[in-house]
Amino acid sequence: MIAVLDRALAETCGRALRYYHRFGFSGTVRRLLLALQRLLIPPGMVVFYCDMSSMCEPDGPEPPRASPLLLETVACAKNLSSSDLLRLEETSGGPLFRVKLEERFPLGAVLWLARLDGRIAAYGWTITGRTVRPYFLPLGEADVHFFDFYVFPEHRGRGLNPAFVCKILKSLAAETKRRAFIDVAEWNTPQLYSLSKTPFRRLGVARQKRITRRSGGVEWDASPPRTEFKPQTAASSYASSGH
């Protein structure tokens, strides 16, 4: 375990150095200050939902591409090729991505891959009927949580993420899944803009309020619109120790 952490630390430092070479001293300082701000003042999470049972055609117009965007699902780590695993490890400090695989697959999570020209351009996770961490609200058996989406830098700014999300929604709707949920930090403007191009609709902003180190609750900035959203239970918030 110590060796894994040492390697992860070394790779994190390497990524920081590459960021410095790309954006310079001032850009790196701004990034560090932003990271510090997020650490000291946890942001609210903007929660979105999508009623898949009422969608006729969740696919939006996809931007023209030289090659089609292909969707692939992975439900077990052994189904990932060594080259794909190396590609995915680029996004989270190498061995740390393997830790995610070991934690999420046994819980029933599914890894979605978006490929362009045979190479992974983006990925994201879904899990049905539950979440990996305690969540802001209870989920039903046919509800799906979307989380941990990532688009590789060379494919950003081309409308790939909305197209990717819409393809997943279409696939899940065909499986008669009911609702989808996804949450984004308030500061993540690109992702918020990206979701505005999908069938996801804003539900509200959840802010975690800690009472002690191990307990707390969730406070909503805006109540869910009752005409569109009906909770599975009478509970209006979900106590949790983390998201």
Protein backbone atom coordinates (compact mmCIF):
# COMPACT_ATOMS: atom_id res chain seq x y z
CA MET A 1 0.00 0.00 0.00
CA ILE A 2 2.84 2.38 0.84
CA ALA A 3 4.46 1.65 -2.52
CA VAL A 4 1.17 2.47 -4.28
CA LEU A 5 0.87 5.77 -2.40
CA ASP A 6 4.49 6.66 -3.15
CA ARG A 7 3.94 6.02 -6.84
CA ALA A 8 0.68 7.98 -6.82
CA LEU A 9 2.44 10.92 -5.10
CA ALA A 10 5.23 10.83 -7.66
CA GLU A 11 2.76 10.82 -10.55
CA THR A 12 0.75 13.66 -8.97
CA CYS A 13 3.92 15.72 -8.67
CA GLY A 14 4.70 14.94 -12.29
CA ARG A 15 1.26 16.16 -13.37
CA ALA A 16 1.76 19.35 -11.36
CA LEU A 17 5.11 19.93 -13.06
CA ARG A 18 3.57 19.43 -16.49
CA TYR A 19 0.83 21.92 -15.55
CA TYR A 20 3.53 24.43 -14.57
CA HIS A 21 5.33 24.02 -17.89
CA ARG A 22 2.06 24.50 -19.79
CA PHE A 23 0.50 27.42 -17.86
CA GLY A 24 3.49 29.06 -16.19
CA PHE A 25 3.99 30.35 -12.65
CA SER A 26 0.95 32.65 -12.45
CA GLY A 27 -1.39 30.01 -13.86
CA THR A 28 -0.10 27.41 -11.41
CA VAL A 29 -0.52 29.79 -8.47
CA ARG A 30 -4.13 30.53 -9.48
CA ARG A 31 -4.79 26.81 -9.70
CA LEU A 32 -3.32 26.20 -6.25
CA LEU A 33 -5.34 29.05 -4.72
CA LEU A 34 -8.51 27.65 -6.28
CA ALA A 35 -7.72 24.19 -4.91
CA LEU A 36 -7.12 25.68 -1.46
CA GLN A 37 -10.42 27.56 -1.63
CA ARG A 38 -12.28 24.37 -2.51
CA LEU A 39 -10.60 22.60 0.40
CA LEU A 40 -11.42 25.28 2.99
CA ILE A 41 -14.89 26.15 1.68
CA PRO A 42 -16.57 23.02 0.28
CA PRO A 43 -18.75 24.03 -2.69
CA GLY A 44 -22.41 23.27 -3.04
CA MET A 45 -23.30 20.45 -5.40
CA VAL A 46 -25.76 21.21 -8.18
CA VAL A 47 -27.97 18.13 -8.50
CA PHE A 48 -29.61 17.30 -11.84
CA TYR A 49 -32.17 14.66 -12.69
CA CYS A 50 -33.67 13.18 -15.83
CA ASP A 51 -36.98 11.32 -16.11
CA MET A 52 -36.00 8.64 -18.61
CA SER A 53 -39.45 7.03 -18.54
CA SER A 54 -40.93 10.08 -20.30
CA MET A 55 -38.21 10.57 -22.90
CA CYS A 56 -39.00 9.57 -26.45
CA GLU A 57 -35.61 10.32 -27.96
CA PRO A 58 -32.87 11.48 -25.58
CA ASP A 59 -30.27 11.82 -28.32
CA GLY A 60 -29.55 15.39 -29.30
CA PRO A 61 -27.89 16.46 -32.54
CA GLU A 62 -24.30 15.29 -32.40
CA PRO A 63 -21.58 17.61 -33.72
CA PRO A 64 -20.01 16.39 -36.98
CA ARG A 65 -16.99 14.19 -36.43
CA ALA A 66 -14.48 12.51 -38.68
CA SER A 67 -15.40 9.19 -37.03
CA PRO A 68 -18.49 8.10 -35.05
CA LEU A 69 -18.56 8.15 -31.26
CA LEU A 70 -18.83 4.54 -30.10
CA LEU A 71 -20.16 3.46 -26.71
CA GLU A 72 -18.83 0.55 -24.69
CA THR A 73 -19.66 -0.78 -21.22
CA VAL A 74 -17.34 -2.53 -18.79
CA ALA A 75 -18.67 -4.33 -15.71
CA CYS A 76 -15.50 -6.14 -14.63
CA ALA A 77 -11.87 -5.07 -14.40
CA LYS A 78 -10.63 -8.15 -16.26
CA ASN A 79 -12.55 -6.99 -19.34
CA LEU A 80 -10.24 -3.98 -19.68
CA SER A 81 -7.26 -4.44 -21.97
CA SER A 82 -3.85 -3.42 -20.69
CA SER A 83 -3.71 -0.52 -23.16
CA ASP A 84 -7.14 0.74 -22.09
CA LEU A 85 -6.17 0.49 -18.43
CA LEU A 86 -3.02 2.52 -19.04
CA ARG A 87 -5.07 5.14 -20.86
CA LEU A 88 -7.54 5.38 -17.94
CA GLU A 89 -4.75 5.56 -15.38
CA GLU A 90 -3.57 8.80 -17.00
CA THR A 91 -6.55 10.56 -15.42
CA SER A 92 -6.06 9.77 -11.74
CA GLY A 93 -2.50 9.15 -10.70
CA GLY A 94 -1.99 5.62 -12.00
CA PRO A 95 -2.69 3.06 -9.25
CA LEU A 96 -5.49 5.17 -7.79
CA PHE A 97 -7.68 4.28 -10.76
CA ARG A 98 -7.23 0.59 -10.00
CA VAL A 99 -8.46 1.30 -6.47
CA LYS A 100 -11.62 2.77 -7.98
CA LEU A 101 -12.12 -0.36 -10.07
CA GLU A 102 -11.71 -2.61 -7.05
CA GLU A 103 -14.20 -0.55 -5.05
CA ARG A 104 -16.89 0.14 -7.65
CA PHE A 105 -17.30 -3.02 -9.72
CA PRO A 106 -18.26 -5.23 -6.73
CA LEU A 107 -21.02 -2.71 -5.92
CA GLY A 108 -22.53 -3.17 -9.38
CA ALA A 109 -21.19 0.01 -10.96
CA VAL A 110 -20.71 0.12 -14.73
CA LEU A 111 -17.85 1.91 -16.51
CA TRP A 112 -18.87 3.53 -19.81
CA LEU A 113 -16.24 4.22 -22.44
CA ALA A 114 -16.58 6.60 -25.39
CA ARG A 115 -14.25 5.75 -28.26
CA LEU A 116 -13.11 7.74 -31.26
CA ASP A 117 -11.00 5.89 -33.83
CA GLY A 118 -10.72 2.99 -31.40
CA ARG A 119 -9.12 5.09 -28.65
CA ILE A 120 -10.83 6.08 -25.39
CA ALA A 121 -11.89 9.73 -25.63
CA ALA A 122 -14.03 9.90 -22.46
CA TYR A 123 -15.39 7.73 -19.69
CA GLY A 124 -18.03 7.86 -16.99
CA TRP A 125 -19.62 5.68 -14.32
CA THR A 126 -23.20 4.71 -13.51
CA ILE A 127 -24.71 2.63 -10.73
CA THR A 128 -28.34 1.54 -10.42
CA GLY A 129 -30.52 1.57 -7.30
CA ARG A 130 -27.83 2.96 -5.02
CA THR A 131 -24.75 5.16 -4.87
CA VAL A 132 -21.14 4.40 -4.00
CA ARG A 133 -21.18 7.03 -1.25
CA PRO A 134 -24.09 8.28 0.89
CA TYR A 135 -26.12 10.59 -1.31
CA PHE A 136 -28.21 13.74 -1.00
CA LEU A 137 -31.50 11.89 -1.50
CA PRO A 138 -32.80 8.31 -1.62
CA LEU A 139 -32.81 6.44 -4.93
CA GLY A 140 -35.34 3.91 -6.16
CA GLU A 141 -34.49 0.49 -7.59
CA ALA A 142 -34.76 1.74 -11.18
CA ASP A 143 -32.92 5.01 -10.55
CA VAL A 144 -29.39 5.50 -11.89
CA HIS A 145 -26.60 7.67 -10.51
CA PHE A 146 -24.14 9.15 -13.02
CA PHE A 147 -20.73 10.06 -11.57
CA ASP A 148 -17.04 10.61 -12.21
CA PHE A 149 -17.17 11.62 -15.88
CA TYR A 150 -13.99 12.62 -17.66
CA VAL A 151 -13.15 13.82 -21.17
CA PHE A 152 -9.53 13.63 -22.24
CA PRO A 153 -8.03 17.10 -22.84
CA GLU A 154 -7.49 16.66 -26.58
CA HIS A 155 -11.23 16.05 -27.06
CA ARG A 156 -12.60 18.92 -24.96
CA GLY A 157 -14.54 21.82 -26.43
CA ARG A 158 -16.06 19.70 -29.19
CA GLY A 159 -19.39 18.77 -27.63
CA LEU A 160 -18.27 15.25 -26.87
CA ASN A 161 -19.50 15.08 -23.26
CA PRO A 162 -23.15 15.99 -24.00
CA ALA A 163 -23.22 13.47 -26.85
CA PHE A 164 -21.68 10.84 -24.57
CA VAL A 165 -24.21 11.48 -21.77
CA CYS A 166 -27.15 11.42 -24.20
CA LYS A 167 -26.04 8.08 -25.64
CA ILE A 168 -25.89 6.61 -22.13
CA LEU A 169 -29.35 7.95 -21.30
CA LYS A 170 -30.73 6.41 -24.50
CA SER A 171 -29.19 3.05 -23.65
CA LEU A 172 -30.53 3.10 -20.07
CA ALA A 173 -33.99 4.22 -21.21
CA ALA A 174 -34.10 1.15 -23.46
CA GLU A 175 -33.47 -0.93 -20.33
CA THR A 176 -36.57 0.71 -18.74
CA LYS A 177 -34.55 2.56 -16.13
CA ARG A 178 -36.68 5.28 -14.51
CA ARG A 179 -34.66 8.32 -13.44
CA ALA A 180 -31.07 9.45 -13.68
CA PHE A 181 -29.21 11.73 -11.27
CA ILE A 182 -25.91 13.53 -11.58
CA ASP A 183 -24.26 16.19 -9.43
CA VAL A 184 -21.67 18.83 -10.25
CA ALA A 185 -19.73 21.24 -8.05
CA GLU A 186 -20.89 24.85 -8.34
CA TRP A 187 -17.47 25.98 -9.56
CA ASN A 188 -17.39 23.48 -12.44
CA THR A 189 -18.76 25.84 -15.07
CA PRO A 190 -17.75 23.73 -18.12
CA GLN A 191 -19.60 20.68 -16.81
CA LEU A 192 -22.66 22.74 -15.87
CA TYR A 193 -22.75 24.17 -19.39
CA SER A 194 -22.25 20.69 -20.85
CA LEU A 195 -25.22 19.27 -18.94
CA SER A 196 -27.42 22.13 -20.17
CA LYS A 197 -27.15 20.46 -23.61
CA THR A 198 -28.59 17.17 -22.32
CA PRO A 199 -32.04 16.07 -21.05
CA PHE A 200 -30.81 16.53 -17.46
CA ARG A 201 -32.66 19.26 -15.56
CA ARG A 202 -31.51 21.13 -12.48
CA LEU A 203 -33.09 19.87 -9.26
CA GLY A 204 -31.39 22.13 -6.72
CA VAL A 205 -28.14 22.89 -4.90
CA ALA A 206 -27.21 20.66 -1.98
CA ARG A 207 -24.84 21.84 0.71
CA GLN A 208 -23.50 19.45 3.27
CA LYS A 209 -23.70 20.63 6.87
CA ARG A 210 -21.43 18.82 9.29
CA ILE A 211 -22.50 18.49 12.91
CA THR A 212 -19.59 16.35 14.01
CA ARG A 213 -16.71 14.78 12.14
CA ARG A 214 -18.78 11.68 11.37
CA SER A 215 -22.32 13.00 11.09
CA GLY A 216 -24.28 15.76 9.44
CA GLY A 217 -26.97 16.38 6.90
CA VAL A 218 -27.83 18.05 3.62
CA GLU A 219 -29.41 21.46 3.15
CA TRP A 220 -31.08 22.36 -0.14
CA ASP A 221 -30.85 25.89 -1.51
CA ALA A 222 -33.93 25.32 -3.63
CA SER A 223 -36.80 22.89 -3.11
CA PRO A 224 -37.33 20.26 -5.83
CA PRO A 225 -40.07 21.28 -8.27
CA ARG A 226 -43.01 19.19 -7.10
CA THR A 227 -44.71 19.13 -10.48
CA GLU A 228 -41.73 17.40 -12.07
CA PHE A 229 -40.01 15.49 -9.30
CA LYS A 230 -41.50 13.07 -6.79
CA PRO A 231 -39.14 11.58 -4.17
CA GLN A 232 -39.28 7.85 -3.55
CA THR A 233 -39.88 8.47 0.15
CA ALA A 234 -41.19 11.29 2.30
CA ALA A 235 -37.66 12.24 3.32
CA SER A 236 -36.58 15.64 2.03
CA SER A 237 -32.91 15.21 2.81
CA TYR A 238 -30.48 12.38 3.33
CA ALA A 239 -28.11 12.44 6.30
CA SER A 240 -24.61 11.53 5.34
CA SER A 241 -21.01 11.71 6.38
CA GLY A 242 -19.79 12.44 2.88
CA HIS A 243 -20.65 12.31 -0.77
